[in-house]
Protein backbone atom coordinates (compact mmCIF):
# COMPACT_ATOMS: atom_id res chain seq x y z
CA MET A 1 0.65 0.46 51.04
CA LYS A 2 3.47 2.42 53.00
CA THR A 3 2.70 4.36 56.40
CA GLN A 4 2.54 8.26 54.02
CA GLU A 5 0.86 6.43 51.11
CA ALA A 6 -2.26 5.25 54.08
CA VAL A 7 -1.50 8.79 55.14
CA LYS A 8 -3.07 10.61 51.93
CA LEU A 9 -5.63 8.56 51.64
CA PHE A 10 -7.28 8.95 55.02
CA GLU A 11 -6.76 13.19 54.64
CA ALA A 12 -8.52 12.72 51.44
CA LEU A 13 -11.44 11.44 53.12
CA SER A 14 -11.05 13.33 56.31
CA SER A 15 -14.11 15.81 55.23
CA ASP A 16 -17.72 14.33 55.75
CA ILE A 17 -17.95 15.18 51.86
CA ARG A 18 -15.52 13.57 50.75
CA LEU A 19 -16.26 10.59 52.81
CA ASP A 20 -19.62 10.23 51.54
CA LEU A 21 -19.16 11.40 47.81
CA PHE A 22 -16.51 8.29 48.27
CA ARG A 23 -19.07 6.21 49.63
CA LEU A 24 -21.76 7.58 47.17
CA LEU A 25 -19.26 6.07 44.22
CA VAL A 26 -18.34 3.21 46.16
CA LYS A 27 -22.05 2.13 46.06
CA ASN A 28 -22.36 2.84 42.09
CA ALA A 29 -19.84 1.16 41.38
CA PRO A 30 -18.40 0.39 38.57
CA GLN A 31 -20.36 2.26 36.23
CA GLY A 32 -19.70 5.63 38.98
CA LEU A 33 -21.48 8.69 38.22
CA VAL A 34 -21.39 12.17 36.61
CA ALA A 35 -20.71 14.77 38.36
CA GLY A 36 -24.03 16.38 38.06
CA ASP A 37 -25.75 13.18 38.94
CA ILE A 38 -23.16 13.54 41.98
CA ALA A 39 -23.99 17.09 42.76
CA LYS A 40 -27.83 16.05 42.70
CA GLU A 41 -27.34 13.65 44.87
CA LEU A 42 -25.16 14.80 47.42
CA GLY A 43 -27.43 18.12 47.15
CA ILE A 44 -23.58 20.01 46.95
CA PRO A 45 -23.49 22.95 43.97
CA PRO A 46 -21.06 22.27 40.97
CA THR A 47 -18.36 24.43 42.31
CA ASN A 48 -18.15 22.53 45.93
CA LEU A 49 -18.15 19.19 44.10
CA SER A 50 -15.36 20.21 41.83
CA PHE A 51 -13.08 20.39 45.11
CA HIS A 52 -14.20 17.77 46.67
CA LEU A 53 -13.55 15.63 43.64
CA ARG A 54 -10.35 16.43 43.45
CA ALA A 55 -9.45 15.84 46.41
CA LEU A 56 -10.05 12.41 45.52
CA THR A 57 -9.12 12.47 42.42
CA SER A 58 -5.53 13.41 43.81
CA ALA A 59 -5.19 10.61 46.19
CA GLY A 60 -6.01 8.78 44.05
CA LEU A 61 -9.14 7.67 45.34
CA ALA A 62 -11.12 8.18 42.20
CA HIS A 63 -10.59 8.39 38.68
CA VAL A 64 -12.51 10.59 35.72
CA GLU A 65 -12.74 9.99 32.78
CA LYS A 66 -14.47 12.32 29.56
CA GLU A 67 -17.84 10.90 27.94
CA GLY A 68 -18.44 13.36 25.56
CA ARG A 69 -19.59 16.84 27.48
CA PHE A 70 -19.26 14.73 30.94
CA LEU A 71 -17.68 13.86 33.76
CA ARG A 72 -17.15 10.65 35.02
CA TYR A 73 -16.44 9.45 38.22
CA ARG A 74 -15.71 6.30 39.80
CA ALA A 75 -14.06 4.82 43.25
CA ASP A 76 -11.05 3.01 42.66
CA ILE A 77 -12.40 -0.17 44.92
CA PRO A 78 -8.81 -2.23 44.13
CA LEU A 79 -7.14 0.91 46.56
CA MET A 80 -9.92 0.56 48.93
CA LEU A 81 -9.45 -2.87 48.70
CA GLU A 82 -5.66 -2.08 50.00
CA VAL A 83 -6.12 0.34 52.80
CA ILE A 84 -8.53 -2.27 54.45
CA ALA A 85 -5.70 -4.86 54.23
CA TYR A 86 -3.12 -2.49 55.40
CA LEU A 87 -5.41 -1.23 58.70
CA THR A 88 -6.03 -5.02 59.44
CA SER A 89 -3.23 -6.81 58.05
CA GLU A 90 -1.71 -7.27 61.37
CA CYS A 91 -4.52 -7.38 63.68
CA CYS A 92 -3.50 -9.34 67.04
CA HIS A 93 -0.11 -9.96 65.67
CA ASN A 94 0.74 -12.40 68.12
CA SER A 95 -1.98 -14.54 68.43
CA PRO A 96 -4.11 -14.08 65.43
CA GLU A 97 -7.50 -16.32 66.98
CA GLN A 98 -8.21 -13.87 68.88
CA CYS A 99 -8.68 -12.42 65.02
CA ALA A 100 -10.16 -14.48 63.67
CA ASN A 101 -12.74 -14.08 66.51
CA TYR A 102 -12.91 -10.13 65.72
CA ARG A 103 -13.27 -10.74 62.21
CA GLN A 104 -16.21 -12.78 62.71
CA ALA A 105 -18.06 -10.52 65.01
CA SER A 106 -17.31 -7.27 62.90
CA GLY A 107 -19.58 -9.43 60.50
CA ILE A 108 -17.61 -7.83 57.12
CA ALA A 109 -17.68 -11.00 54.33
CA PRO A 110 -13.75 -12.97 54.92
CA GLU A 111 -13.40 -12.41 51.12
CA PHE A 112 -12.89 -8.42 52.03
CA LEU A 113 -10.49 -8.88 54.73
CA PRO A 114 -6.19 -10.22 54.27
CA GLU A 115 -6.12 -13.64 55.30
CA ARG A 116 -4.61 -13.98 58.34
CA LYS A 117 -1.06 -16.20 58.34
């Protein structure tokens, strides 16, 4: 991942509503949610929701699929994990043993973090 790609993703998540929205889609992966259910869950009017959904889909963080008269939104989980890898790939570059200590202290399952070599 290049820095400009990461910036685009962070800009898309820089709103509290969009961050909550993305986390809701992640929580409901892989099936995703239809727009009406998202609006109910987050208590957002449909017009506001469409604005925020457009920002996430434009950044590639979410994908939309038409199901009859409904739109189903899904988080792009591989992209989310790529962002995590981007942020952590050079952790303690000159001190991998310290990075291992940080990873252990974080409580995050090791499979969610890229391996240090």
